[in-house]
Amino acid sequence: MKKALLISLAFLFIHFNSTAQKSFEVGIGTGVTHYFGDLGNESVIQWGSTSPGVQITFRNFLGKGSGLSYYPALNVEFRFSWNRLQYDETKPVGNQSGFDLRNYGRGLSFRNDLFGTSVHATYTFYQDKYAPLYLQGPAFFIFTGIGAYYGQPKADLFNGSIDIDNRYFFWPDGTVRDAPWEGGQGTGNIIPKDGVYETNLADWMTEGAGYKNEPSQSDPYSFINLAIPMGFGFRIGLSKAVTLSTEFGYYFFFTDFLDDVSDAYPTYDEINTNFPNDPVNQALALYISDPTGLGNGGYPGPATSPRGNPLQKDAFTFFNVEVAYKFNLRRR
C-alpha cells in the first residue's frame, strides 16, 4: 500500500514538472458507507452497516489550467481513501431482535477498515462548456476506474482478552450475556459488547482447512484486493478556486472475504487439523467461526452447513460531500 501511494505521488510530481500544467485541484470529502455482502438482517440496504469514510482526491491535471472551465469534460483523478465496513447480525433492527431477525441464529459480525488508492476516468456534462464553472449551475458527472484496497476483517467476540471464558452468549431474546441460555435455565447477566475488535478473523480459519483452497475460491485469502469503483455526482463552483461536490459511488470487489464469510463452516476434523493437539485453540476456533453455536454441523456431507454465498462478491457504497481547492502553479 505504501509503495502504491509513493508511485501515485511520484507520477503526479513528474506530470506537474514535465508538462505545461499550471494548476491542479485537491478535494477532501467525507460521507457514509453501506456494506453489501454475506451478512445482513435487512432486505436490500443494510442500514445497520452505516459507517464513516474519508477520501482525498487529486484532479484536473490534464489541461493547462488556463481554460474557462475548471475541468475538461474528460478527466482523470487519483484518490486515496479510508472506508469502514461493518455489520453485526446480533444487533436489533427496528423493533425486531433475537430470532425475529432472519440471521440471528448465525450471529456473525465483522469490521474492516479499508485503506485504498484508485484512479478514475471522469466525464462532466457542463451546462455551458465555454463558461467558468462558478458561473454555471451544478454540473453532472460520472466516473469509473480501478483501485487497490487493504483491509483485515476483525470482530468483537470477547469481553476482554481472547479467552473462551470471556466469550459472549447470545440468548434467544436478543440479549448478550456472560453465561449460556441452557433452555431458559441459565443465570447469565446481561452485558454490553465492549466495542473492542480484538479478533483477527483470518487467523482462526473460520471456513476450515480449505480456507485458502475452497472449490469456489482458488486464490489465497488476501488482505489486498482489487475493486472497480463507479458512480455519479454533481459539482458546482463556489468561486474561482473552490468547488463543492456530492457523489454516490459503488465499489465492486473481486473477493468474497471482506467480511470473512464466503462458503461453509469448518468441520470438526478441519479445526483439529488446523490446531493439532491444542484443545484451547480448537474451542476458540469453533466459537469464532460459529458464535451462537447454532450454525456448524461439524461433519462434511451434501448438507454441510452453509456459512455464506460464494457466488456473491462483496461490495460497498459511499455517499459523500467534497470541498476542493484549486492550486495554481507558476513555472520558473
C-alpha atoms as a PDB file:
ATOM      1  CA  MET A   1       0.000   0.000   0.000  1.00  0.00           C
ATOM      2  CA  LYS A   2       2.845   2.422   0.839  1.00  0.00           C
ATOM      3  CA  LYS A   3       4.520   1.544  -2.459  1.00  0.00           C
ATOM      4  CA  ALA A   4       1.335   2.268  -4.426  1.00  0.00           C
ATOM      5  CA  LEU A   5       0.961   5.603  -2.624  1.00  0.00           C
ATOM      6  CA  LEU A   6       4.554   6.638  -3.418  1.00  0.00           C
ATOM      7  CA  ILE A   7       4.195   5.646  -7.079  1.00  0.00           C
ATOM      8  CA  SER A   8       0.989   7.687  -7.409  1.00  0.00           C
ATOM      9  CA  LEU A   9       2.534  10.753  -5.773  1.00  0.00           C
ATOM     10  CA  ALA A  10       5.663  10.423  -7.921  1.00  0.00           C
ATOM     11  CA  PHE A  11       3.518  10.294 -11.056  1.00  0.00           C
ATOM     12  CA  LEU A  12       1.735  13.479 -10.038  1.00  0.00           C
ATOM     13  CA  PHE A  13       5.018  15.273  -9.284  1.00  0.00           C
ATOM     14  CA  ILE A  14       6.600  14.234 -12.602  1.00  0.00           C
ATOM     15  CA  HIS A  15       3.473  15.237 -14.519  1.00  0.00           C
ATOM     16  CA  PHE A  16       3.372  18.678 -12.929  1.00  0.00           C
ATOM     17  CA  ASN A  17       7.011  19.334 -13.775  1.00  0.00           C
ATOM     18  CA  SER A  18       7.127  17.886 -17.287  1.00  0.00           C
ATOM     19  CA  THR A  19       4.078  19.481 -18.946  1.00  0.00           C
ATOM     20  CA  ALA A  20       2.587  22.901 -19.398  1.00  0.00           C
ATOM     21  CA  GLN A  21       0.287  22.167 -16.459  1.00  0.00           C
ATOM     22  CA  LYS A  22      -0.387  25.290 -14.426  1.00  0.00           C
ATOM     23  CA  SER A  23      -2.980  24.115 -11.921  1.00  0.00           C
ATOM     24  CA  PHE A  24      -4.478  21.137 -10.144  1.00  0.00           C
ATOM     25  CA  GLU A  25      -7.157  20.546  -7.522  1.00  0.00           C
ATOM     26  CA  VAL A  26      -7.249  18.751  -4.218  1.00  0.00           C
ATOM     27  CA  GLY A  27     -10.608  17.655  -2.846  1.00  0.00           C
ATOM     28  CA  ILE A  28     -11.350  16.411   0.677  1.00  0.00           C
ATOM     29  CA  GLY A  29     -14.587  14.504   1.088  1.00  0.00           C
ATOM     30  CA  THR A  30     -16.380  12.686   3.876  1.00  0.00           C
ATOM     31  CA  GLY A  31     -19.540  10.628   3.999  1.00  0.00           C
ATOM     32  CA  VAL A  32     -21.100   7.275   4.838  1.00  0.00           C
ATOM     33  CA  THR A  33     -20.629   3.723   3.589  1.00  0.00           C
ATOM     34  CA  HIS A  34     -23.114   0.865   3.305  1.00  0.00           C
ATOM     35  CA  TYR A  35     -21.863  -2.706   3.094  1.00  0.00           C
ATOM     36  CA  PHE A  36     -23.139  -5.382   0.681  1.00  0.00           C
ATOM     37  CA  GLY A  37     -22.025  -8.953   1.328  1.00  0.00           C
ATOM     38  CA  ASP A  38     -22.945 -12.222   3.036  1.00  0.00           C
ATOM     39  CA  LEU A  39     -24.156 -10.719   6.323  1.00  0.00           C
ATOM     40  CA  GLY A  40     -27.412  -8.915   6.901  1.00  0.00           C
ATOM     41  CA  ASN A  41     -30.848  -8.856   8.503  1.00  0.00           C
ATOM     42  CA  GLU A  42     -32.358  -6.190   6.240  1.00  0.00           C
ATOM     43  CA  SER A  43     -33.977  -6.698   2.860  1.00  0.00           C
ATOM     44  CA  VAL A  44     -31.956  -4.607   0.386  1.00  0.00           C
ATOM     45  CA  ILE A  45     -29.832  -1.930   2.031  1.00  0.00           C
ATOM     46  CA  GLN A  46     -28.145  -2.905   5.286  1.00  0.00           C
ATOM     47  CA  TRP A  47     -28.850   0.324   7.165  1.00  0.00           C
ATOM     48  CA  GLY A  48     -27.244  -1.173  10.242  1.00  0.00           C
ATOM     49  CA  SER A  49     -23.936  -1.129   8.397  1.00  0.00           C
ATOM     50  CA  THR A  50     -23.825   2.685   8.064  1.00  0.00           C
ATOM     51  CA  SER A  51     -20.224   3.734   8.765  1.00  0.00           C
ATOM     52  CA  PRO A  52     -17.882   6.665   8.070  1.00  0.00           C
ATOM     53  CA  GLY A  53     -15.458   7.217   5.222  1.00  0.00           C
ATOM     54  CA  VAL A  54     -12.931   9.854   4.127  1.00  0.00           C
ATOM     55  CA  GLN A  55     -11.193  10.481   0.803  1.00  0.00           C
ATOM     56  CA  ILE A  56      -8.584  12.819  -0.701  1.00  0.00           C
ATOM     57  CA  THR A  57      -8.729  13.317  -4.473  1.00  0.00           C
ATOM     58  CA  PHE A  58      -6.264  14.931  -6.914  1.00  0.00           C
ATOM     59  CA  ARG A  59      -7.757  16.015 -10.229  1.00  0.00           C
ATOM     60  CA  ASN A  60      -7.664  18.461 -13.145  1.00  0.00           C
ATOM     61  CA  PHE A  61      -4.023  17.916 -14.041  1.00  0.00           C
ATOM     62  CA  LEU A  62      -4.648  17.039 -17.714  1.00  0.00           C
ATOM     63  CA  GLY A  63      -5.322  20.531 -19.024  1.00  0.00           C
ATOM     64  CA  LYS A  64      -3.188  23.640 -18.934  1.00  0.00           C
ATOM     65  CA  GLY A  65      -5.175  25.373 -16.245  1.00  0.00           C
ATOM     66  CA  SER A  66      -5.875  28.398 -18.438  1.00  0.00           C
ATOM     67  CA  GLY A  67      -9.238  27.385 -19.895  1.00  0.00           C
ATOM     68  CA  LEU A  68     -12.533  28.899 -18.875  1.00  0.00           C
ATOM     69  CA  SER A  69     -13.899  25.830 -17.087  1.00  0.00           C
ATOM     70  CA  TYR A  70     -12.235  24.195 -14.136  1.00  0.00           C
ATOM     71  CA  TYR A  71     -12.493  20.707 -15.586  1.00  0.00           C
ATOM     72  CA  PRO A  72     -12.047  19.364 -19.083  1.00  0.00           C
ATOM     73  CA  ALA A  73     -15.075  17.221 -19.906  1.00  0.00           C
ATOM     74  CA  LEU A  74     -12.944  14.062 -19.927  1.00  0.00           C
ATOM     75  CA  ASN A  75     -10.692  13.951 -16.889  1.00  0.00           C
ATOM     76  CA  VAL A  76      -8.553  11.686 -14.724  1.00  0.00           C
ATOM     77  CA  GLU A  77      -8.316  11.733 -10.945  1.00  0.00           C
ATOM     78  CA  PHE A  78      -6.311   9.928  -8.250  1.00  0.00           C
ATOM     79  CA  ARG A  79      -7.939   9.103  -4.937  1.00  0.00           C
ATOM     80  CA  PHE A  80      -6.735   7.932  -1.528  1.00  0.00           C
ATOM     81  CA  SER A  81      -9.444   6.721   0.831  1.00  0.00           C
ATOM     82  CA  TRP A  82     -10.407   5.143   4.120  1.00  0.00           C
ATOM     83  CA  ASN A  83     -13.784   3.415   4.390  1.00  0.00           C
ATOM     84  CA  ARG A  84     -15.108   1.439   7.320  1.00  0.00           C
ATOM     85  CA  LEU A  85     -17.276  -1.613   6.619  1.00  0.00           C
ATOM     86  CA  GLN A  86     -19.079  -3.405   9.423  1.00  0.00           C
ATOM     87  CA  TYR A  87     -22.167  -5.381  10.345  1.00  0.00           C
ATOM     88  CA  ASP A  88     -23.425  -7.303  13.387  1.00  0.00           C
ATOM     89  CA  GLU A  89     -26.225  -9.829  12.906  1.00  0.00           C
ATOM     90  CA  THR A  90     -26.976  -9.959  16.651  1.00  0.00           C
ATOM     91  CA  LYS A  91     -27.960  -6.278  16.928  1.00  0.00           C
ATOM     92  CA  PRO A  92     -31.671  -5.331  16.903  1.00  0.00           C
ATOM     93  CA  VAL A  93     -33.152  -3.875  13.732  1.00  0.00           C
ATOM     94  CA  GLY A  94     -36.022  -1.505  14.419  1.00  0.00           C
ATOM     95  CA  ASN A  95     -38.376  -3.269  16.823  1.00  0.00           C
ATOM     96  CA  GLN A  96     -37.024  -6.713  15.922  1.00  0.00           C
ATOM     97  CA  SER A  97     -34.455  -8.601  17.983  1.00  0.00           C
ATOM     98  CA  GLY A  98     -33.377 -12.145  18.712  1.00  0.00           C
ATOM     99  CA  PHE A  99     -34.906 -14.776  16.476  1.00  0.00           C
ATOM    100  CA  ASP A 100     -37.196 -12.194  14.902  1.00  0.00           C
ATOM    101  CA  LEU A 101     -34.100 -11.388  12.822  1.00  0.00           C
ATOM    102  CA  ARG A 102     -33.551 -13.699   9.874  1.00  0.00           C
ATOM    103  CA  ASN A 103     -29.842 -14.315  10.576  1.00  0.00           C
ATOM    104  CA  TYR A 104     -29.736 -14.019  14.361  1.00  0.00           C
ATOM    105  CA  GLY A 105     -29.152 -17.761  14.659  1.00  0.00           C
ATOM    106  CA  ARG A 106     -25.986 -17.383  12.595  1.00  0.00           C
ATOM    107  CA  GLY A 107     -24.919 -14.372  14.629  1.00  0.00           C
ATOM    108  CA  LEU A 108     -21.871 -13.336  12.605  1.00  0.00           C
ATOM    109  CA  SER A 109     -20.218  -9.912  12.777  1.00  0.00           C
ATOM    110  CA  PHE A 110     -17.164  -8.084  11.453  1.00  0.00           C
ATOM    111  CA  ARG A 111     -15.417  -4.747  10.996  1.00  0.00           C
ATOM    112  CA  ASN A 112     -12.995  -3.976   8.179  1.00  0.00           C
ATOM    113  CA  ASP A 113     -11.170  -0.658   7.775  1.00  0.00           C
ATOM    114  CA  LEU A 114     -10.277  -0.394   4.083  1.00  0.00           C
ATOM    115  CA  PHE A 115      -7.379   1.827   3.016  1.00  0.00           C
ATOM    116  CA  GLY A 116      -7.226   2.286  -0.743  1.00  0.00           C
ATOM    117  CA  THR A 117      -5.791   4.078  -3.707  1.00  0.00           C
ATOM    118  CA  SER A 118      -7.599   4.307  -7.037  1.00  0.00           C
ATOM    119  CA  VAL A 119      -7.520   6.021 -10.416  1.00  0.00           C
ATOM    120  CA  HIS A 120     -10.738   7.163 -12.104  1.00  0.00           C
ATOM    121  CA  ALA A 121     -11.779   8.371 -15.524  1.00  0.00           C
ATOM    122  CA  THR A 122     -14.499  11.010 -15.209  1.00  0.00           C
ATOM    123  CA  TYR A 123     -16.779  12.751 -17.660  1.00  0.00           C
ATOM    124  CA  THR A 124     -18.566  16.017 -16.820  1.00  0.00           C
ATOM    125  CA  PHE A 125     -21.677  17.289 -18.603  1.00  0.00           C
ATOM    126  CA  TYR A 126     -21.363  21.081 -18.462  1.00  0.00           C
ATOM    127  CA  GLN A 127     -24.358  23.313 -18.985  1.00  0.00           C
ATOM    128  CA  ASP A 128     -22.069  25.687 -20.861  1.00  0.00           C
ATOM    129  CA  LYS A 129     -18.601  24.411 -21.713  1.00  0.00           C
ATOM    130  CA  TYR A 130     -17.442  27.933 -22.544  1.00  0.00           C
ATOM    131  CA  ALA A 131     -18.378  29.463 -19.190  1.00  0.00           C
ATOM    132  CA  PRO A 132     -16.398  29.192 -15.935  1.00  0.00           C
ATOM    133  CA  LEU A 133     -17.780  26.557 -13.613  1.00  0.00           C
ATOM    134  CA  TYR A 134     -18.568  29.062 -10.861  1.00  0.00           C
ATOM    135  CA  LEU A 135     -20.839  30.982 -13.269  1.00  0.00           C
ATOM    136  CA  GLN A 136     -22.831  27.841 -14.165  1.00  0.00           C
ATOM    137  CA  GLY A 137     -25.318  25.752 -12.284  1.00  0.00           C
ATOM    138  CA  PRO A 138     -24.438  22.276 -10.978  1.00  0.00           C
ATOM    139  CA  ALA A 139     -22.580  20.072 -13.467  1.00  0.00           C
ATOM    140  CA  PHE A 140     -23.431  16.358 -13.578  1.00  0.00           C
ATOM    141  CA  PHE A 141     -20.518  13.882 -13.807  1.00  0.00           C
ATOM    142  CA  ILE A 142     -19.940  10.144 -13.991  1.00  0.00           C
ATOM    143  CA  PHE A 143     -16.833   8.107 -13.173  1.00  0.00           C
ATOM    144  CA  THR A 144     -15.335   4.639 -13.186  1.00  0.00           C
ATOM    145  CA  GLY A 145     -11.885   3.211 -12.654  1.00  0.00           C
ATOM    146  CA  ILE A 146      -9.887   0.649 -10.711  1.00  0.00           C
ATOM    147  CA  GLY A 147      -8.419   0.608  -7.235  1.00  0.00           C
ATOM    148  CA  ALA A 148      -6.456  -1.478  -4.732  1.00  0.00           C
ATOM    149  CA  TYR A 149      -7.635  -1.678  -1.121  1.00  0.00           C
ATOM    150  CA  TYR A 150      -6.079  -3.102   2.036  1.00  0.00           C
ATOM    151  CA  GLY A 151      -8.197  -4.282   4.943  1.00  0.00           C
ATOM    152  CA  GLN A 152      -8.271  -7.095   7.504  1.00  0.00           C
ATOM    153  CA  PRO A 153     -11.646  -8.240   8.879  1.00  0.00           C
ATOM    154  CA  LYS A 154     -11.922  -8.308  12.667  1.00  0.00           C
ATOM    155  CA  ALA A 155     -14.668  -8.988  15.194  1.00  0.00           C
ATOM    156  CA  ASP A 156     -15.676  -8.124  18.758  1.00  0.00           C
ATOM    157  CA  LEU A 157     -16.280 -11.585  20.216  1.00  0.00           C
ATOM    158  CA  PHE A 158     -14.841 -11.363  23.738  1.00  0.00           C
ATOM    159  CA  ASN A 159     -15.484  -9.231  26.783  1.00  0.00           C
ATOM    160  CA  GLY A 160     -11.802  -8.527  27.290  1.00  0.00           C
ATOM    161  CA  SER A 161      -8.937 -10.673  26.038  1.00  0.00           C
ATOM    162  CA  ILE A 162      -9.298 -13.641  23.674  1.00  0.00           C
ATOM    163  CA  ASP A 163     -10.190 -16.293  26.220  1.00  0.00           C
ATOM    164  CA  ILE A 164     -13.028 -18.790  25.981  1.00  0.00           C
ATOM    165  CA  ASP A 165     -14.135 -17.708  29.462  1.00  0.00           C
ATOM    166  CA  ASN A 166     -14.655 -14.180  28.075  1.00  0.00           C
ATOM    167  CA  ARG A 167     -16.902 -15.203  25.186  1.00  0.00           C
ATOM    168  CA  TYR A 168     -20.333 -13.696  24.588  1.00  0.00           C
ATOM    169  CA  PHE A 169     -23.513 -15.774  24.818  1.00  0.00           C
ATOM    170  CA  PHE A 170     -26.367 -14.762  22.535  1.00  0.00           C
ATOM    171  CA  TRP A 171     -29.756 -15.535  24.082  1.00  0.00           C
ATOM    172  CA  PRO A 172     -32.977 -16.064  22.072  1.00  0.00           C
ATOM    173  CA  ASP A 173     -34.405 -12.783  23.415  1.00  0.00           C
ATOM    174  CA  GLY A 174     -31.628 -10.865  21.659  1.00  0.00           C
ATOM    175  CA  THR A 175     -29.581 -10.077  24.765  1.00  0.00           C
ATOM    176  CA  VAL A 176     -25.843 -10.667  25.132  1.00  0.00           C
ATOM    177  CA  ARG A 177     -24.928 -12.422  28.375  1.00  0.00           C
ATOM    178  CA  ASP A 178     -21.981 -13.878  30.255  1.00  0.00           C
ATOM    179  CA  ALA A 179     -23.423 -17.412  30.571  1.00  0.00           C
ATOM    180  CA  PRO A 180     -25.260 -19.872  28.280  1.00  0.00           C
ATOM    181  CA  TRP A 181     -29.030 -19.944  27.913  1.00  0.00           C
ATOM    182  CA  GLU A 182     -29.405 -23.633  28.854  1.00  0.00           C
ATOM    183  CA  GLY A 183     -33.009 -23.851  27.725  1.00  0.00           C
ATOM    184  CA  GLY A 184     -34.015 -20.802  29.717  1.00  0.00           C
ATOM    185  CA  GLN A 185     -32.485 -22.129  32.924  1.00  0.00           C
ATOM    186  CA  GLY A 186     -29.292 -20.088  32.625  1.00  0.00           C
ATOM    187  CA  THR A 187     -28.469 -17.320  35.087  1.00  0.00           C
ATOM    188  CA  GLY A 188     -26.342 -15.157  32.836  1.00  0.00           C
ATOM    189  CA  ASN A 189     -26.080 -11.422  33.363  1.00  0.00           C
ATOM    190  CA  ILE A 190     -26.801  -9.037  30.513  1.00  0.00           C
ATOM    191  CA  ILE A 191     -23.563  -7.417  29.367  1.00  0.00           C
ATOM    192  CA  PRO A 192     -22.811  -4.951  26.572  1.00  0.00           C
ATOM    193  CA  LYS A 193     -20.255  -5.773  23.945  1.00  0.00           C
ATOM    194  CA  ASP A 194     -17.076  -3.891  24.868  1.00  0.00           C
ATOM    195  CA  GLY A 195     -16.586  -2.479  21.341  1.00  0.00           C
ATOM    196  CA  VAL A 196     -13.003  -3.722  21.038  1.00  0.00           C
ATOM    197  CA  TYR A 197     -12.405  -5.626  17.790  1.00  0.00           C
ATOM    198  CA  GLU A 198      -9.743  -7.895  19.200  1.00  0.00           C
ATOM    199  CA  THR A 199     -10.162 -10.932  16.936  1.00  0.00           C
ATOM    200  CA  ASN A 200      -8.327 -11.135  13.604  1.00  0.00           C
ATOM    201  CA  LEU A 201     -10.779 -13.473  11.898  1.00  0.00           C
ATOM    202  CA  ALA A 202      -8.374 -14.783   9.247  1.00  0.00           C
ATOM    203  CA  ASP A 203      -6.080 -16.170  11.966  1.00  0.00           C
ATOM    204  CA  TRP A 204      -8.761 -18.644  13.035  1.00  0.00           C
ATOM    205  CA  MET A 205      -9.525 -20.196   9.628  1.00  0.00           C
ATOM    206  CA  THR A 206     -13.242 -19.751  10.101  1.00  0.00           C
ATOM    207  CA  GLU A 207     -14.065 -21.787   6.999  1.00  0.00           C
ATOM    208  CA  GLY A 208     -11.818 -24.768   7.652  1.00  0.00           C
ATOM    209  CA  ALA A 209      -8.718 -26.333   6.169  1.00  0.00           C
ATOM    210  CA  GLY A 210      -9.924 -25.450   2.684  1.00  0.00           C
ATOM    211  CA  TYR A 211      -9.936 -21.782   3.675  1.00  0.00           C
ATOM    212  CA  LYS A 212      -7.319 -20.950   1.072  1.00  0.00           C
ATOM    213  CA  ASN A 213      -8.486 -23.542  -1.439  1.00  0.00           C
ATOM    214  CA  GLU A 214     -12.273 -23.559  -1.413  1.00  0.00           C
ATOM    215  CA  PRO A 215     -13.789 -25.070  -4.575  1.00  0.00           C
ATOM    216  CA  SER A 216     -15.155 -21.618  -5.391  1.00  0.00           C
ATOM    217  CA  GLN A 217     -12.114 -19.699  -4.135  1.00  0.00           C
ATOM    218  CA  SER A 218      -8.911 -20.668  -5.965  1.00  0.00           C
ATOM    219  CA  ASP A 219      -6.804 -17.706  -4.799  1.00  0.00           C
ATOM    220  CA  PRO A 220      -5.463 -17.244  -1.266  1.00  0.00           C
ATOM    221  CA  TYR A 221      -7.336 -15.094   1.206  1.00  0.00           C
ATOM    222  CA  SER A 222      -5.621 -11.748   0.631  1.00  0.00           C
ATOM    223  CA  PHE A 223      -5.888  -8.512   2.608  1.00  0.00           C
ATOM    224  CA  ILE A 224      -5.132  -6.509  -0.571  1.00  0.00           C
ATOM    225  CA  ASN A 225      -7.933  -6.664  -3.125  1.00  0.00           C
ATOM    226  CA  LEU A 226      -8.868  -5.036  -6.409  1.00  0.00           C
ATOM    227  CA  ALA A 227     -12.157  -3.233  -6.916  1.00  0.00           C
ATOM    228  CA  ILE A 228     -13.964  -1.321  -9.637  1.00  0.00           C
ATOM    229  CA  PRO A 229     -15.341   2.000  -8.361  1.00  0.00           C
ATOM    230  CA  MET A 230     -18.150   3.586 -10.365  1.00  0.00           C
ATOM    231  CA  GLY A 231     -20.681   6.287  -9.724  1.00  0.00           C
ATOM    232  CA  PHE A 232     -22.051   9.753 -10.409  1.00  0.00           C
ATOM    233  CA  GLY A 233     -22.443  13.139  -8.784  1.00  0.00           C
ATOM    234  CA  PHE A 234     -22.891  16.890  -9.103  1.00  0.00           C
ATOM    235  CA  ARG A 235     -20.246  19.597  -8.838  1.00  0.00           C
ATOM    236  CA  ILE A 236     -20.720  23.347  -8.534  1.00  0.00           C
ATOM    237  CA  GLY A 237     -18.218  26.194  -8.443  1.00  0.00           C
ATOM    238  CA  LEU A 238     -18.442  28.402  -5.365  1.00  0.00           C
ATOM    239  CA  SER A 239     -15.655  30.694  -6.570  1.00  0.00           C
ATOM    240  CA  LYS A 240     -12.717  30.671  -8.975  1.00  0.00           C
ATOM    241  CA  ALA A 241     -10.785  28.460  -6.551  1.00  0.00           C
ATOM    242  CA  VAL A 242     -13.381  26.470  -4.566  1.00  0.00           C
ATOM    243  CA  THR A 243     -15.836  23.813  -5.734  1.00  0.00           C
ATOM    244  CA  LEU A 244     -18.423  21.771  -3.867  1.00  0.00           C
ATOM    245  CA  SER A 245     -19.366  18.244  -4.938  1.00  0.00           C
ATOM    246  CA  THR A 246     -21.683  15.473  -3.862  1.00  0.00           C
ATOM    247  CA  GLU A 247     -21.056  11.942  -5.114  1.00  0.00           C
ATOM    248  CA  PHE A 248     -22.513   8.453  -4.933  1.00  0.00           C
ATOM    249  CA  GLY A 249     -20.086   5.594  -5.598  1.00  0.00           C
ATOM    250  CA  TYR A 250     -20.456   1.823  -5.835  1.00  0.00           C
ATOM    251  CA  TYR A 251     -17.307  -0.236  -5.216  1.00  0.00           C
ATOM    252  CA  PHE A 252     -17.438  -3.774  -6.596  1.00  0.00           C
ATOM    253  CA  PHE A 253     -14.730  -6.159  -5.331  1.00  0.00           C
ATOM    254  CA  PHE A 254     -13.246  -9.312  -6.821  1.00  0.00           C
ATOM    255  CA  THR A 255     -13.215 -11.024  -3.417  1.00  0.00           C
ATOM    256  CA  ASP A 256     -15.851 -12.527  -1.145  1.00  0.00           C
ATOM    257  CA  PHE A 257     -13.773 -12.197   2.019  1.00  0.00           C
ATOM    258  CA  LEU A 258     -14.053  -8.548   3.065  1.00  0.00           C
ATOM    259  CA  ASP A 259     -16.411  -9.832   5.777  1.00  0.00           C
ATOM    260  CA  ASP A 260     -14.546 -13.155   6.322  1.00  0.00           C
ATOM    261  CA  VAL A 261     -17.657 -15.035   5.173  1.00  0.00           C
ATOM    262  CA  SER A 262     -17.902 -16.920   1.900  1.00  0.00           C
ATOM    263  CA  ASP A 263     -18.774 -20.610   1.868  1.00  0.00           C
ATOM    264  CA  ALA A 264     -19.185 -23.230   4.630  1.00  0.00           C
ATOM    265  CA  TYR A 265     -18.455 -23.696   8.329  1.00  0.00           C
ATOM    266  CA  PRO A 266     -15.289 -25.633   9.248  1.00  0.00           C
ATOM    267  CA  THR A 267     -15.741 -29.279  10.127  1.00  0.00           C
ATOM    268  CA  TYR A 268     -14.504 -30.653  13.431  1.00  0.00           C
ATOM    269  CA  ASP A 269     -11.758 -32.528  11.581  1.00  0.00           C
ATOM    270  CA  GLU A 270     -10.607 -29.331   9.878  1.00  0.00           C
ATOM    271  CA  ILE A 271     -10.468 -27.498  13.209  1.00  0.00           C
ATOM    272  CA  ASN A 272      -8.461 -30.341  14.734  1.00  0.00           C
ATOM    273  CA  THR A 273      -6.103 -30.300  11.739  1.00  0.00           C
ATOM    274  CA  ASN A 274      -5.589 -26.546  11.892  1.00  0.00           C
ATOM    275  CA  PHE A 275      -4.930 -26.578  15.652  1.00  0.00           C
ATOM    276  CA  PRO A 276      -3.495 -30.051  16.370  1.00  0.00           C
ATOM    277  CA  ASN A 277      -3.259 -31.205  19.995  1.00  0.00           C
ATOM    278  CA  ASP A 278      -4.484 -27.802  21.153  1.00  0.00           C
ATOM    279  CA  PRO A 279      -7.944 -28.097  22.764  1.00  0.00           C
ATOM    280  CA  VAL A 280      -7.896 -24.455  23.908  1.00  0.00           C
ATOM    281  CA  ASN A 281      -7.468 -23.024  20.413  1.00  0.00           C
ATOM    282  CA  GLN A 282      -9.806 -25.661  18.982  1.00  0.00           C
ATOM    283  CA  ALA A 283     -12.571 -24.411  21.295  1.00  0.00           C
ATOM    284  CA  LEU A 284     -11.773 -20.813  20.363  1.00  0.00           C
ATOM    285  CA  ALA A 285     -11.780 -21.601  16.623  1.00  0.00           C
ATOM    286  CA  LEU A 286     -15.164 -23.318  16.893  1.00  0.00           C
ATOM    287  CA  TYR A 287     -16.681 -20.353  18.745  1.00  0.00           C
ATOM    288  CA  ILE A 288     -15.147 -17.681  16.498  1.00  0.00           C
ATOM    289  CA  SER A 289     -16.451 -19.377  13.339  1.00  0.00           C
ATOM    290  CA  ASP A 290     -19.886 -20.010  14.881  1.00  0.00           C
ATOM    291  CA  PRO A 291     -20.560 -17.512  17.718  1.00  0.00           C
ATOM    292  CA  THR A 292     -24.096 -18.720  18.522  1.00  0.00           C
ATOM    293  CA  GLY A 293     -23.241 -22.412  18.297  1.00  0.00           C
ATOM    294  CA  LEU A 294     -26.275 -22.959  16.064  1.00  0.00           C
ATOM    295  CA  GLY A 295     -24.723 -22.976  12.599  1.00  0.00           C
ATOM    296  CA  ASN A 296     -21.978 -25.567  12.478  1.00  0.00           C
ATOM    297  CA  GLY A 297     -22.979 -29.177  11.827  1.00  0.00           C
ATOM    298  CA  GLY A 298     -19.348 -30.209  12.258  1.00  0.00           C
ATOM    299  CA  TYR A 299     -19.273 -33.016   9.690  1.00  0.00           C
ATOM    300  CA  PRO A 300     -18.811 -32.952   5.887  1.00  0.00           C
ATOM    301  CA  GLY A 301     -21.570 -34.016   3.556  1.00  0.00           C
ATOM    302  CA  PRO A 302     -24.118 -32.836   0.996  1.00  0.00           C
ATOM    303  CA  ALA A 303     -25.880 -30.799   3.685  1.00  0.00           C
ATOM    304  CA  THR A 304     -22.767 -29.250   5.237  1.00  0.00           C
ATOM    305  CA  SER A 305     -23.959 -26.072   6.874  1.00  0.00           C
ATOM    306  CA  PRO A 306     -23.626 -23.073   4.535  1.00  0.00           C
ATOM    307  CA  ARG A 307     -21.952 -20.037   6.089  1.00  0.00           C
ATOM    308  CA  GLY A 308     -22.253 -17.650   3.152  1.00  0.00           C
ATOM    309  CA  ASN A 309     -22.777 -17.411  -0.588  1.00  0.00           C
ATOM    310  CA  PRO A 310     -19.524 -17.959  -2.533  1.00  0.00           C
ATOM    311  CA  LEU A 311     -21.167 -16.820  -5.777  1.00  0.00           C
ATOM    312  CA  GLN A 312     -21.756 -13.286  -4.479  1.00  0.00           C
ATOM    313  CA  LYS A 313     -18.763 -10.960  -4.251  1.00  0.00           C
ATOM    314  CA  ASP A 314     -18.563  -8.188  -1.664  1.00  0.00           C
ATOM    315  CA  ALA A 315     -19.173  -4.503  -2.325  1.00  0.00           C
ATOM    316  CA  PHE A 316     -19.975  -1.222  -0.636  1.00  0.00           C
ATOM    317  CA  THR A 317     -21.468   2.150  -1.490  1.00  0.00           C
ATOM    318  CA  PHE A 318     -20.115   5.531  -0.443  1.00  0.00           C
ATOM    319  CA  PHE A 319     -22.146   8.734  -0.426  1.00  0.00           C
ATOM    320  CA  ASN A 320     -20.045  11.795   0.280  1.00  0.00           C
ATOM    321  CA  VAL A 321     -19.748  15.580   0.149  1.00  0.00           C
ATOM    322  CA  GLU A 322     -16.447  17.108  -1.011  1.00  0.00           C
ATOM    323  CA  VAL A 323     -14.839  20.544  -0.942  1.00  0.00           C
ATOM    324  CA  ALA A 324     -11.998  21.094  -3.435  1.00  0.00           C
ATOM    325  CA  TYR A 325      -9.459  23.871  -3.817  1.00  0.00           C
ATOM    326  CA  LYS A 326      -7.626  24.833  -6.983  1.00  0.00           C
ATOM    327  CA  PHE A 327      -3.856  25.371  -6.708  1.00  0.00           C
ATOM    328  CA  ASN A 328      -2.166  27.470  -9.375  1.00  0.00           C
ATOM    329  CA  LEU A 329       1.438  26.611 -10.225  1.00  0.00           C
ATOM    330  CA  ARG A 330       3.948  29.018 -11.709  1.00  0.00           C
ATOM    331  CA  ARG A 331       6.837  27.754 -13.775  1.00  0.00           C
ATOM    332  CA  ARG A 332      10.242  29.353 -13.300  1.00  0.00           C
END
